[in-house]
PDB file of N, CA and C in Angstrom:
ATOM      1  N   MET A   1      17.817 -29.819 -12.616  1.00  0.00           N
ATOM      2  CA  MET A   1      17.017 -30.570 -11.724  1.00  0.00           C
ATOM      3  C   MET A   1      17.539 -29.988 -10.383  1.00  0.00           C
ATOM      4  N   ILE A   2      18.824 -29.678  -9.998  1.00  0.00           N
ATOM      5  CA  ILE A   2      19.049 -29.132  -8.752  1.00  0.00           C
ATOM      6  C   ILE A   2      18.562 -27.946  -8.347  1.00  0.00           C
ATOM      7  N   ILE A   3      18.501 -27.142  -9.648  1.00  0.00           N
ATOM      8  CA  ILE A   3      17.937 -25.756  -9.242  1.00  0.00           C
ATOM      9  C   ILE A   3      16.439 -25.936  -8.949  1.00  0.00           C
ATOM     10  N   ALA A   4      15.571 -26.771  -9.447  1.00  0.00           N
ATOM     11  CA  ALA A   4      14.245 -27.042  -9.087  1.00  0.00           C
ATOM     12  C   ALA A   4      14.296 -27.346  -7.521  1.00  0.00           C
ATOM     13  N   LEU A   5      14.948 -28.338  -7.097  1.00  0.00           N
ATOM     14  CA  LEU A   5      15.057 -28.773  -5.758  1.00  0.00           C
ATOM     15  C   LEU A   5      15.413 -27.571  -4.987  1.00  0.00           C
ATOM     16  N   LEU A   6      16.374 -26.811  -5.123  1.00  0.00           N
ATOM     17  CA  LEU A   6      16.746 -25.711  -4.341  1.00  0.00           C
ATOM     18  C   LEU A   6      15.758 -24.646  -4.252  1.00  0.00           C
ATOM     19  N   ALA A   7      14.634 -24.592  -5.232  1.00  0.00           N
ATOM     20  CA  ALA A   7      13.662 -23.548  -5.173  1.00  0.00           C
ATOM     21  C   ALA A   7      12.674 -24.141  -4.071  1.00  0.00           C
ATOM     22  N   GLN A   8      12.506 -25.299  -3.661  1.00  0.00           N
ATOM     23  CA  GLN A   8      11.693 -25.843  -2.759  1.00  0.00           C
ATOM     24  C   GLN A   8      12.085 -25.703  -1.314  1.00  0.00           C
ATOM     25  N   LEU A   9      13.466 -25.342  -1.074  1.00  0.00           N
ATOM     26  CA  LEU A   9      13.922 -25.260   0.266  1.00  0.00           C
ATOM     27  C   LEU A   9      13.292 -24.211   0.950  1.00  0.00           C
ATOM     28  N   LYS A  10      13.145 -24.353   2.499  1.00  0.00           N
ATOM     29  CA  LYS A  10      12.607 -23.267   3.259  1.00  0.00           C
ATOM     30  C   LYS A  10      13.729 -22.777   3.975  1.00  0.00           C
ATOM     31  N   ASN A  11      13.757 -21.439   4.190  1.00  0.00           N
ATOM     32  CA  ASN A  11      14.888 -20.871   5.039  1.00  0.00           C
ATOM     33  C   ASN A  11      14.340 -20.564   6.400  1.00  0.00           C
ATOM     34  N   PRO A  12      14.879 -21.285   7.351  1.00  0.00           N
ATOM     35  CA  PRO A  12      14.508 -21.280   8.573  1.00  0.00           C
ATOM     36  C   PRO A  12      14.705 -19.892   9.449  1.00  0.00           C
ATOM     37  N   VAL A  13      15.501 -18.992   8.891  1.00  0.00           N
ATOM     38  CA  VAL A  13      15.733 -17.779   9.298  1.00  0.00           C
ATOM     39  C   VAL A  13      14.672 -16.816   9.256  1.00  0.00           C
ATOM     40  N   LEU A  14      14.088 -16.900   7.926  1.00  0.00           N
ATOM     41  CA  LEU A  14      12.938 -16.010   7.702  1.00  0.00           C
ATOM     42  C   LEU A  14      11.774 -16.082   8.447  1.00  0.00           C
ATOM     43  N   PRO A  15      11.045 -15.141   8.845  1.00  0.00           N
ATOM     44  CA  PRO A  15       9.847 -15.176   9.505  1.00  0.00           C
ATOM     45  C   PRO A  15       8.591 -15.821   8.608  1.00  0.00           C
ATOM     46  N   PRO A  16       7.735 -16.381   9.040  1.00  0.00           N
ATOM     47  CA  PRO A  16       6.593 -17.193   8.238  1.00  0.00           C
ATOM     48  C   PRO A  16       5.994 -16.042   7.447  1.00  0.00           C
ATOM     49  N   GLU A  17       5.834 -14.651   7.723  1.00  0.00           N
ATOM     50  CA  GLU A  17       5.185 -13.856   7.041  1.00  0.00           C
ATOM     51  C   GLU A  17       5.991 -13.466   5.816  1.00  0.00           C
ATOM     52  N   LEU A  18       7.027 -13.759   5.710  1.00  0.00           N
ATOM     53  CA  LEU A  18       7.683 -13.603   4.501  1.00  0.00           C
ATOM     54  C   LEU A  18       7.690 -14.921   3.216  1.00  0.00           C
ATOM     55  N   GLY A  19       6.871 -15.627   3.807  1.00  0.00           N
ATOM     56  CA  GLY A  19       6.846 -17.168   2.984  1.00  0.00           C
ATOM     57  C   GLY A  19       7.833 -17.861   2.978  1.00  0.00           C
ATOM     58  N   ALA A  20       7.792 -18.870   3.663  1.00  0.00           N
ATOM     59  CA  ALA A  20       8.897 -19.780   3.657  1.00  0.00           C
ATOM     60  C   ALA A  20       8.571 -20.968   2.583  1.00  0.00           C
ATOM     61  N   GLY A  21       8.112 -20.633   1.702  1.00  0.00           N
ATOM     62  CA  GLY A  21       8.169 -21.699   0.578  1.00  0.00           C
ATOM     63  C   GLY A  21       6.926 -22.194   0.301  1.00  0.00           C
ATOM     64  N   ASP A  22       5.793 -21.967   1.152  1.00  0.00           N
ATOM     65  CA  ASP A  22       4.503 -22.460   1.239  1.00  0.00           C
ATOM     66  C   ASP A  22       3.560 -21.321   0.768  1.00  0.00           C
ATOM     67  N   LEU A  23       2.321 -21.687   0.236  1.00  0.00           N
ATOM     68  CA  LEU A  23       1.377 -20.591  -0.182  1.00  0.00           C
ATOM     69  C   LEU A  23       0.958 -19.792   0.741  1.00  0.00           C
ATOM     70  N   GLU A  24       0.788 -20.496   2.146  1.00  0.00           N
ATOM     71  CA  GLU A  24       0.075 -19.537   3.265  1.00  0.00           C
ATOM     72  C   GLU A  24       0.823 -18.298   3.520  1.00  0.00           C
ATOM     73  N   GLY A  25       2.270 -18.326   3.668  1.00  0.00           N
ATOM     74  CA  GLY A  25       3.127 -17.297   3.892  1.00  0.00           C
ATOM     75  C   GLY A  25       2.909 -16.193   2.824  1.00  0.00           C
ATOM     76  N   GLY A  26       2.786 -16.549   1.594  1.00  0.00           N
ATOM     77  CA  GLY A  26       2.658 -15.504   0.669  1.00  0.00           C
ATOM     78  C   GLY A  26       1.287 -14.506   0.736  1.00  0.00           C
ATOM     79  N   GLY A  27       0.224 -15.327   1.267  1.00  0.00           N
ATOM     80  CA  GLY A  27      -1.058 -14.735   1.627  1.00  0.00           C
ATOM     81  C   GLY A  27      -0.947 -13.873   2.711  1.00  0.00           C
ATOM     82  N   ARG A  28      -0.157 -14.360   3.788  1.00  0.00           N
ATOM     83  CA  ARG A  28      -0.047 -13.463   4.993  1.00  0.00           C
ATOM     84  C   ARG A  28       0.883 -12.070   4.597  1.00  0.00           C
ATOM     85  N   ALA A  29       2.033 -12.470   3.759  1.00  0.00           N
ATOM     86  CA  ALA A  29       2.713 -11.304   3.396  1.00  0.00           C
ATOM     87  C   ALA A  29       1.934 -10.140   2.590  1.00  0.00           C
ATOM     88  N   THR A  30       1.175 -10.780   1.724  1.00  0.00           N
ATOM     89  CA  THR A  30       0.388  -9.700   0.772  1.00  0.00           C
ATOM     90  C   THR A  30      -0.467  -9.054   1.405  1.00  0.00           C
ATOM     91  N   GLY A  31      -1.374  -9.873   2.411  1.00  0.00           N
ATOM     92  CA  GLY A  31      -2.209  -9.246   3.310  1.00  0.00           C
ATOM     93  C   GLY A  31      -1.822  -8.040   4.370  1.00  0.00           C
ATOM     94  N   LEU A  32      -0.519  -8.523   4.879  1.00  0.00           N
ATOM     95  CA  LEU A  32       0.113  -7.211   5.645  1.00  0.00           C
ATOM     96  C   LEU A  32       0.452  -6.148   4.720  1.00  0.00           C
ATOM     97  N   LEU A  33       1.015  -6.591   3.605  1.00  0.00           N
ATOM     98  CA  LEU A  33       1.313  -5.228   2.624  1.00  0.00           C
ATOM     99  C   LEU A  33       0.162  -4.461   2.340  1.00  0.00           C
ATOM    100  N   ILE A  34      -0.813  -5.007   2.098  1.00  0.00           N
ATOM    101  CA  ILE A  34      -2.142  -4.404   1.666  1.00  0.00           C
ATOM    102  C   ILE A  34      -2.720  -3.620   2.806  1.00  0.00           C
ATOM    103  N   GLY A  35      -2.877  -4.323   4.075  1.00  0.00           N
ATOM    104  CA  GLY A  35      -3.212  -3.736   5.366  1.00  0.00           C
ATOM    105  C   GLY A  35      -2.312  -2.436   5.767  1.00  0.00           C
ATOM    106  N   ASN A  36      -1.018  -2.750   5.625  1.00  0.00           N
ATOM    107  CA  ASN A  36      -0.145  -1.484   6.199  1.00  0.00           C
ATOM    108  C   ASN A  36      -0.316  -0.189   5.001  1.00  0.00           C
ATOM    109  N   LEU A  37      -0.498  -0.695   3.863  1.00  0.00           N
ATOM    110  CA  LEU A  37      -0.489   0.375   2.760  1.00  0.00           C
ATOM    111  C   LEU A  37      -1.806   1.337   2.889  1.00  0.00           C
ATOM    112  N   ILE A  38      -2.976   0.485   3.353  1.00  0.00           N
ATOM    113  CA  ILE A  38      -4.278   1.310   3.486  1.00  0.00           C
ATOM    114  C   ILE A  38      -4.041   2.046   4.713  1.00  0.00           C
ATOM    115  N   GLY A  39      -3.386   1.424   5.875  1.00  0.00           N
ATOM    116  CA  GLY A  39      -3.010   2.224   6.988  1.00  0.00           C
ATOM    117  C   GLY A  39      -2.361   3.409   6.972  1.00  0.00           C
ATOM    118  N   ALA A  40      -1.311   3.322   6.070  1.00  0.00           N
ATOM    119  CA  ALA A  40      -0.499   4.451   5.767  1.00  0.00           C
ATOM    120  C   ALA A  40      -1.033   5.614   4.952  1.00  0.00           C
ATOM    121  N   ILE A  41      -2.109   5.255   4.118  1.00  0.00           N
ATOM    122  CA  ILE A  41      -2.824   6.073   3.405  1.00  0.00           C
ATOM    123  C   ILE A  41      -3.661   6.881   4.352  1.00  0.00           C
ATOM    124  N   PHE A  42      -4.295   6.336   5.397  1.00  0.00           N
ATOM    125  CA  PHE A  42      -5.323   7.005   6.299  1.00  0.00           C
ATOM    126  C   PHE A  42      -4.480   7.906   7.080  1.00  0.00           C
ATOM    127  N   ILE A  43      -3.158   7.493   7.682  1.00  0.00           N
ATOM    128  CA  ILE A  43      -2.476   8.353   8.481  1.00  0.00           C
ATOM    129  C   ILE A  43      -2.039   9.482   7.761  1.00  0.00           C
ATOM    130  N   PHE A  44      -1.501   9.231   6.553  1.00  0.00           N
ATOM    131  CA  PHE A  44      -0.945  10.498   5.721  1.00  0.00           C
ATOM    132  C   PHE A  44      -2.101  11.357   5.551  1.00  0.00           C
ATOM    133  N   SER A  45      -3.295  10.729   4.828  1.00  0.00           N
ATOM    134  CA  SER A  45      -4.353  11.844   4.851  1.00  0.00           C
ATOM    135  C   SER A  45      -4.790  12.512   6.166  1.00  0.00           C
ATOM    136  N   PHE A  46      -4.667  11.998   7.236  1.00  0.00           N
ATOM    137  CA  PHE A  46      -5.101  12.592   8.424  1.00  0.00           C
ATOM    138  C   PHE A  46      -4.171  13.860   8.682  1.00  0.00           C
ATOM    139  N   ILE A  47      -2.686  13.463   8.580  1.00  0.00           N
ATOM    140  CA  ILE A  47      -1.753  14.456   8.876  1.00  0.00           C
ATOM    141  C   ILE A  47      -1.849  15.628   7.854  1.00  0.00           C
ATOM    142  N   LEU A  48      -2.072  15.270   6.616  1.00  0.00           N
ATOM    143  CA  LEU A  48      -2.337  16.298   5.673  1.00  0.00           C
ATOM    144  C   LEU A  48      -3.568  17.230   6.129  1.00  0.00           C
ATOM    145  N   ALA A  49      -4.551  16.547   6.416  1.00  0.00           N
ATOM    146  CA  ALA A  49      -5.854  17.455   6.732  1.00  0.00           C
ATOM    147  C   ALA A  49      -5.558  18.404   7.896  1.00  0.00           C
ATOM    148  N   PHE A  50      -4.794  17.711   9.086  1.00  0.00           N
ATOM    149  CA  PHE A  50      -4.609  18.490  10.225  1.00  0.00           C
ATOM    150  C   PHE A  50      -3.509  19.667  10.035  1.00  0.00           C
ATOM    151  N   PHE A  51      -2.593  19.416   9.029  1.00  0.00           N
ATOM    152  CA  PHE A  51      -1.710  20.391   8.680  1.00  0.00           C
ATOM    153  C   PHE A  51      -2.296  21.597   7.896  1.00  0.00           C
ATOM    154  N   TYR A  52      -3.431  21.236   7.137  1.00  0.00           N
ATOM    155  CA  TYR A  52      -4.152  22.223   6.356  1.00  0.00           C
ATOM    156  C   TYR A  52      -5.024  22.869   7.286  1.00  0.00           C
ATOM    157  N   LEU A  53      -5.444  22.310   8.425  1.00  0.00           N
ATOM    158  CA  LEU A  53      -6.165  23.008   9.477  1.00  0.00           C
ATOM    159  C   LEU A  53      -5.278  24.098  10.285  1.00  0.00           C
ATOM    160  N   LEU A  54      -4.091  23.512  10.586  1.00  0.00           N
ATOM    161  CA  LEU A  54      -3.129  24.527  11.131  1.00  0.00           C
ATOM    162  C   LEU A  54      -2.728  25.777  10.361  1.00  0.00           C
ATOM    163  N   THR A  55      -2.568  25.381   8.956  1.00  0.00           N
ATOM    164  CA  THR A  55      -2.072  26.685   8.119  1.00  0.00           C
ATOM    165  C   THR A  55      -3.412  27.438   7.993  1.00  0.00           C
ATOM    166  N   GLY A  56      -4.571  27.036   7.965  1.00  0.00           N
ATOM    167  CA  GLY A  56      -5.733  27.794   8.222  1.00  0.00           C
ATOM    168  C   GLY A  56      -5.899  28.821   9.201  1.00  0.00           C
ATOM    169  N   GLY A  57      -5.688  28.065  10.440  1.00  0.00           N
ATOM    170  CA  GLY A  57      -5.598  28.871  11.722  1.00  0.00           C
ATOM    171  C   GLY A  57      -4.499  29.983  11.817  1.00  0.00           C
ATOM    172  N   ILE A  58      -3.485  29.682  11.296  1.00  0.00           N
ATOM    173  CA  ILE A  58      -2.272  30.620  11.145  1.00  0.00           C
ATOM    174  C   ILE A  58      -2.586  31.697  10.201  1.00  0.00           C
ATOM    175  N   SER A  59      -3.277  31.370   9.214  1.00  0.00           N
ATOM    176  CA  SER A  59      -3.768  32.475   8.116  1.00  0.00           C
ATOM    177  C   SER A  59      -4.798  33.188   8.973  1.00  0.00           C
ATOM    178  N   TRP A  60      -5.609  32.710   9.670  1.00  0.00           N
ATOM    179  CA  TRP A  60      -6.686  33.462  10.360  1.00  0.00           C
ATOM    180  C   TRP A  60      -6.007  34.464  11.273  1.00  0.00           C
ATOM    181  N   ILE A  61      -5.084  34.122  12.066  1.00  0.00           N
ATOM    182  CA  ILE A  61      -4.335  34.850  13.083  1.00  0.00           C
ATOM    183  C   ILE A  61      -3.596  35.908  12.232  1.00  0.00           C
ATOM    184  N   THR A  62      -3.064  35.803  11.301  1.00  0.00           N
ATOM    185  CA  THR A  62      -2.200  36.760  10.509  1.00  0.00           C
ATOM    186  C   THR A  62      -2.894  37.507   9.566  1.00  0.00           C
ATOM    187  N   ALA A  63      -4.200  37.424   9.433  1.00  0.00           N
ATOM    188  CA  ALA A  63      -5.073  38.039   8.454  1.00  0.00           C
ATOM    189  C   ALA A  63      -5.100  39.689   8.701  1.00  0.00           C
ATOM    190  N   GLY A  64      -5.164  39.978  10.105  1.00  0.00           N
ATOM    191  CA  GLY A  64      -4.982  41.402  10.375  1.00  0.00           C
ATOM    192  C   GLY A  64      -6.357  42.112   9.979  1.00  0.00           C
ATOM    193  N   GLY A  65      -7.417  41.455   9.991  1.00  0.00           N
ATOM    194  CA  GLY A  65      -8.742  42.279   9.729  1.00  0.00           C
ATOM    195  C   GLY A  65      -9.213  42.326   8.237  1.00  0.00           C
ATOM    196  N   ASP A  66      -8.272  41.775   7.366  1.00  0.00           N
ATOM    197  CA  ASP A  66      -8.465  41.823   5.921  1.00  0.00           C
ATOM    198  C   ASP A  66      -9.666  40.943   5.647  1.00  0.00           C
ATOM    199  N   LYS A  67     -10.665  41.336   5.093  1.00  0.00           N
ATOM    200  CA  LYS A  67     -11.982  40.686   4.775  1.00  0.00           C
ATOM    201  C   LYS A  67     -11.354  39.276   3.727  1.00  0.00           C
ATOM    202  N   GLY A  68     -10.812  39.672   2.839  1.00  0.00           N
ATOM    203  CA  GLY A  68     -10.284  38.620   1.770  1.00  0.00           C
ATOM    204  C   GLY A  68      -9.449  37.471   2.277  1.00  0.00           C
ATOM    205  N   GLN A  69      -8.703  37.970   3.165  1.00  0.00           N
ATOM    206  CA  GLN A  69      -7.650  36.860   3.684  1.00  0.00           C
ATOM    207  C   GLN A  69      -8.590  35.995   5.152  1.00  0.00           C
ATOM    208  N   LEU A  70      -9.322  36.793   5.738  1.00  0.00           N
ATOM    209  CA  LEU A  70     -10.189  36.068   6.765  1.00  0.00           C
ATOM    210  C   LEU A  70     -11.195  35.016   5.827  1.00  0.00           C
ATOM    211  N   GLU A  71     -11.774  35.385   4.931  1.00  0.00           N
ATOM    212  CA  GLU A  71     -12.684  34.336   4.230  1.00  0.00           C
ATOM    213  C   GLU A  71     -11.761  33.361   3.740  1.00  0.00           C
ATOM    214  N   ASN A  72     -10.602  33.472   3.142  1.00  0.00           N
ATOM    215  CA  ASN A  72      -9.592  32.524   2.825  1.00  0.00           C
ATOM    216  C   ASN A  72      -9.046  31.482   3.832  1.00  0.00           C
ATOM    217  N   ALA A  73      -8.847  32.189   5.065  1.00  0.00           N
ATOM    218  CA  ALA A  73      -8.672  31.240   6.214  1.00  0.00           C
ATOM    219  C   ALA A  73      -9.553  30.346   6.687  1.00  0.00           C
ATOM    220  N   ARG A  74     -11.124  31.094   6.509  1.00  0.00           N
ATOM    221  CA  ARG A  74     -12.097  30.518   7.070  1.00  0.00           C
ATOM    222  C   ARG A  74     -12.317  29.255   6.108  1.00  0.00           C
ATOM    223  N   ASN A  75     -12.240  29.475   4.788  1.00  0.00           N
ATOM    224  CA  ASN A  75     -12.595  28.216   3.968  1.00  0.00           C
ATOM    225  C   ASN A  75     -11.605  27.105   4.088  1.00  0.00           C
ATOM    226  N   LYS A  76     -10.310  27.465   4.482  1.00  0.00           N
ATOM    227  CA  LYS A  76      -9.182  26.448   4.699  1.00  0.00           C
ATOM    228  C   LYS A  76      -9.532  25.798   5.919  1.00  0.00           C
ATOM    229  N   ILE A  77      -9.883  26.410   6.865  1.00  0.00           N
ATOM    230  CA  ILE A  77     -10.383  25.651   8.141  1.00  0.00           C
ATOM    231  C   ILE A  77     -11.762  24.738   8.076  1.00  0.00           C
ATOM    232  N   ILE A  78     -12.612  25.242   7.221  1.00  0.00           N
ATOM    233  CA  ILE A  78     -13.758  24.393   6.797  1.00  0.00           C
ATOM    234  C   ILE A  78     -13.233  23.192   5.952  1.00  0.00           C
ATOM    235  N   HIS A  79     -12.596  23.390   5.197  1.00  0.00           N
ATOM    236  CA  HIS A  79     -12.270  22.304   4.188  1.00  0.00           C
ATOM    237  C   HIS A  79     -11.355  21.406   4.950  1.00  0.00           C
ATOM    238  N   ALA A  80     -10.518  21.671   5.808  1.00  0.00           N
ATOM    239  CA  ALA A  80      -9.662  20.824   6.712  1.00  0.00           C
ATOM    240  C   ALA A  80     -10.689  20.072   7.697  1.00  0.00           C
ATOM    241  N   LEU A  81     -11.599  20.792   8.076  1.00  0.00           N
ATOM    242  CA  LEU A  81     -12.419  20.035   9.193  1.00  0.00           C
ATOM    243  C   LEU A  81     -13.350  18.828   8.223  1.00  0.00           C
ATOM    244  N   VAL A  82     -13.685  19.293   7.255  1.00  0.00           N
ATOM    245  CA  VAL A  82     -14.358  18.253   6.217  1.00  0.00           C
ATOM    246  C   VAL A  82     -13.537  17.113   5.868  1.00  0.00           C
ATOM    247  N   GLY A  83     -12.342  17.440   5.657  1.00  0.00           N
ATOM    248  CA  GLY A  83     -11.301  16.511   5.343  1.00  0.00           C
ATOM    249  C   GLY A  83     -11.208  15.439   6.362  1.00  0.00           C
ATOM    250  N   LEU A  84     -10.844  16.039   7.633  1.00  0.00           N
ATOM    251  CA  LEU A  84     -10.930  15.122   8.833  1.00  0.00           C
ATOM    252  C   LEU A  84     -12.075  14.272   9.143  1.00  0.00           C
ATOM    253  N   ILE A  85     -13.359  14.794   8.734  1.00  0.00           N
ATOM    254  CA  ILE A  85     -14.556  14.084   8.898  1.00  0.00           C
ATOM    255  C   ILE A  85     -14.398  12.871   7.995  1.00  0.00           C
ATOM    256  N   VAL A  86     -13.894  13.429   6.779  1.00  0.00           N
ATOM    257  CA  VAL A  86     -13.970  12.156   5.683  1.00  0.00           C
ATOM    258  C   VAL A  86     -13.142  11.111   5.976  1.00  0.00           C
ATOM    259  N   VAL A  87     -11.956  11.433   6.487  1.00  0.00           N
ATOM    260  CA  VAL A  87     -10.911  10.421   6.924  1.00  0.00           C
ATOM    261  C   VAL A  87     -11.291   9.764   7.909  1.00  0.00           C
ATOM    262  N   GLY A  88     -12.019  10.084   9.056  1.00  0.00           N
ATOM    263  CA  GLY A  88     -12.736   9.576  10.277  1.00  0.00           C
ATOM    264  C   GLY A  88     -13.723   8.545   9.828  1.00  0.00           C
ATOM    265  N   ALA A  89     -14.610   8.904   8.889  1.00  0.00           N
ATOM    266  CA  ALA A  89     -15.654   8.207   8.448  1.00  0.00           C
ATOM    267  C   ALA A  89     -15.126   7.142   7.684  1.00  0.00           C
ATOM    268  N   GLY A  90     -14.031   7.371   6.762  1.00  0.00           N
ATOM    269  CA  GLY A  90     -13.525   6.334   5.948  1.00  0.00           C
ATOM    270  C   GLY A  90     -13.005   5.114   6.846  1.00  0.00           C
ATOM    271  N   TRP A  91     -12.023   5.686   7.777  1.00  0.00           N
ATOM    272  CA  TRP A  91     -11.819   4.871   8.804  1.00  0.00           C
ATOM    273  C   TRP A  91     -12.509   4.116   9.444  1.00  0.00           C
ATOM    274  N   ALA A  92     -13.846   4.410   9.712  1.00  0.00           N
ATOM    275  CA  ALA A  92     -14.930   3.731  10.450  1.00  0.00           C
ATOM    276  C   ALA A  92     -15.547   2.880   9.601  1.00  0.00           C
ATOM    277  N   ILE A  93     -15.969   3.227   8.427  1.00  0.00           N
ATOM    278  CA  ILE A  93     -16.427   2.476   7.470  1.00  0.00           C
ATOM    279  C   ILE A  93     -15.572   1.115   7.089  1.00  0.00           C
ATOM    280  N   PHE A  94     -14.434   1.476   6.847  1.00  0.00           N
ATOM    281  CA  PHE A  94     -13.373   0.537   6.815  1.00  0.00           C
ATOM    282  C   PHE A  94     -13.390  -0.657   7.844  1.00  0.00           C
ATOM    283  N   SER A  95     -13.428  -0.009   9.063  1.00  0.00           N
ATOM    284  CA  SER A  95     -13.340  -1.009  10.051  1.00  0.00           C
ATOM    285  C   SER A  95     -14.356  -1.851  10.473  1.00  0.00           C
ATOM    286  N   LEU A  96     -15.730  -1.222   9.998  1.00  0.00           N
ATOM    287  CA  LEU A  96     -16.996  -1.801  10.056  1.00  0.00           C
ATOM    288  C   LEU A  96     -17.041  -2.834   9.111  1.00  0.00           C
ATOM    289  N   VAL A  97     -16.656  -2.620   7.920  1.00  0.00           N
ATOM    290  CA  VAL A  97     -16.819  -3.720   6.845  1.00  0.00           C
ATOM    291  C   VAL A  97     -15.866  -4.799   7.297  1.00  0.00           C
ATOM    292  N   GLY A  98     -14.516  -4.318   7.707  1.00  0.00           N
ATOM    293  CA  GLY A  98     -13.839  -5.579   8.263  1.00  0.00           C
ATOM    294  C   GLY A  98     -14.362  -6.386   9.208  1.00  0.00           C
ATOM    295  N   GLN A  99     -15.050  -5.981  10.172  1.00  0.00           N
ATOM    296  CA  GLN A  99     -15.789  -6.516  11.122  1.00  0.00           C
ATOM    297  C   GLN A  99     -16.826  -7.589  10.658  1.00  0.00           C
ATOM    298  N   PHE A 100     -17.708  -7.025   9.497  1.00  0.00           N
ATOM    299  CA  PHE A 100     -18.436  -8.045   9.035  1.00  0.00           C
ATOM    300  C   PHE A 100     -17.926  -9.050   8.205  1.00  0.00           C
ATOM    301  N   LEU A 101     -16.812  -8.810   7.530  1.00  0.00           N
ATOM    302  CA  LEU A 101     -16.255  -9.774   6.625  1.00  0.00           C
ATOM    303  C   LEU A 101     -15.066 -10.421   7.440  1.00  0.00           C
ATOM    304  N   GLY A 102     -14.856 -10.320   8.721  1.00  0.00           N
ATOM    305  CA  GLY A 102     -13.910 -10.851   9.421  1.00  0.00           C
ATOM    306  C   GLY A 102     -12.481 -10.581   8.958  1.00  0.00           C
ATOM    307  N   ILE A 103     -12.048  -9.358   8.721  1.00  0.00           N
ATOM    308  CA  ILE A 103     -10.897  -9.100   8.357  1.00  0.00           C
ATOM    309  C   ILE A 103     -10.171  -8.098   9.480  1.00  0.00           C
ATOM    310  N   GLN A 104      -9.138  -8.726  10.002  1.00  0.00           N
ATOM    311  CA  GLN A 104      -8.448  -8.098  11.211  1.00  0.00           C
ATOM    312  C   GLN A 104      -7.458  -7.009  10.566  1.00  0.00           C
ATOM    313  N   PHE A 105      -7.783  -5.745  10.852  1.00  0.00           N
ATOM    314  CA  PHE A 105      -7.079  -4.734  10.220  1.00  0.00           C
ATOM    315  C   PHE A 105      -6.040  -4.216  11.286  1.00  0.00           C
ATOM    316  N   PRO A 106      -4.654  -4.124  11.005  1.00  0.00           N
ATOM    317  CA  PRO A 106      -4.062  -4.204   9.508  1.00  0.00           C
ATOM    318  C   PRO A 106      -3.429  -5.533   9.228  1.00  0.00           C
ATOM    319  N   ASN A 107      -3.621  -6.520  10.173  1.00  0.00           N
ATOM    320  CA  ASN A 107      -3.120  -7.962   9.927  1.00  0.00           C
ATOM    321  C   ASN A 107      -4.063  -8.700   9.220  1.00  0.00           C
ATOM    322  N   MET A 108      -4.234  -8.053   7.670  1.00  0.00           N
ATOM    323  CA  MET A 108      -5.244  -8.926   6.918  1.00  0.00           C
ATOM    324  C   MET A 108      -4.524 -10.279   6.339  1.00  0.00           C
ATOM    325  N   GLU A 109      -5.216 -11.320   6.209  1.00  0.00           N
ATOM    326  CA  GLU A 109      -4.756 -12.516   5.650  1.00  0.00           C
ATOM    327  C   GLU A 109      -5.563 -12.961   4.534  1.00  0.00           C
ATOM    328  N   LEU A 110      -5.011 -12.881   3.188  1.00  0.00           N
ATOM    329  CA  LEU A 110      -5.603 -13.387   2.142  1.00  0.00           C
ATOM    330  C   LEU A 110      -5.842 -14.886   2.080  1.00  0.00           C
ATOM    331  N   PRO A 111      -6.822 -15.217   1.442  1.00  0.00           N
ATOM    332  CA  PRO A 111      -7.022 -16.590   1.399  1.00  0.00           C
ATOM    333  C   PRO A 111      -6.221 -17.305   0.335  1.00  0.00           C
ATOM    334  N   THR A 112      -5.815 -18.725   0.630  1.00  0.00           N
ATOM    335  CA  THR A 112      -4.838 -19.192  -0.191  1.00  0.00           C
ATOM    336  C   THR A 112      -5.227 -20.462  -0.798  1.00  0.00           C
ATOM    337  N   ILE A 113      -4.947 -20.891  -1.922  1.00  0.00           N
ATOM    338  CA  ILE A 113      -5.409 -22.202  -2.583  1.00  0.00           C
ATOM    339  C   ILE A 113      -4.550 -23.423  -2.034  1.00  0.00           C
ATOM    340  N   GLU A 114      -5.054 -24.316  -1.322  1.00  0.00           N
ATOM    341  CA  GLU A 114      -4.387 -25.417  -0.840  1.00  0.00           C
ATOM    342  C   GLU A 114      -4.458 -26.721  -1.657  1.00  0.00           C
TER     343      GLU A 114
END
């Protein structure tokens, strides 16, 4: 009986995003987790595509006139630019859909049952 009552206590030290015992806090925490995870994926993919672009540029510089290495470097640069365009388009589409659905990115708040 006492354990069931202790489960209902709210911790005033914890921020409301962590869920202070009510259902709203859980929705905020889960929404923040999902929003931050999506943002981290976009940032990681942008950094990866930019790094691939840099390695393509370095390969181009160090090719020394070799046709095979120049073609390989050119393909790396083209693939990296396509990757950057895809990441940018994905971000734009995600933001646009969020505007239409009323989702504030990355502070997404999931609906809760009351």
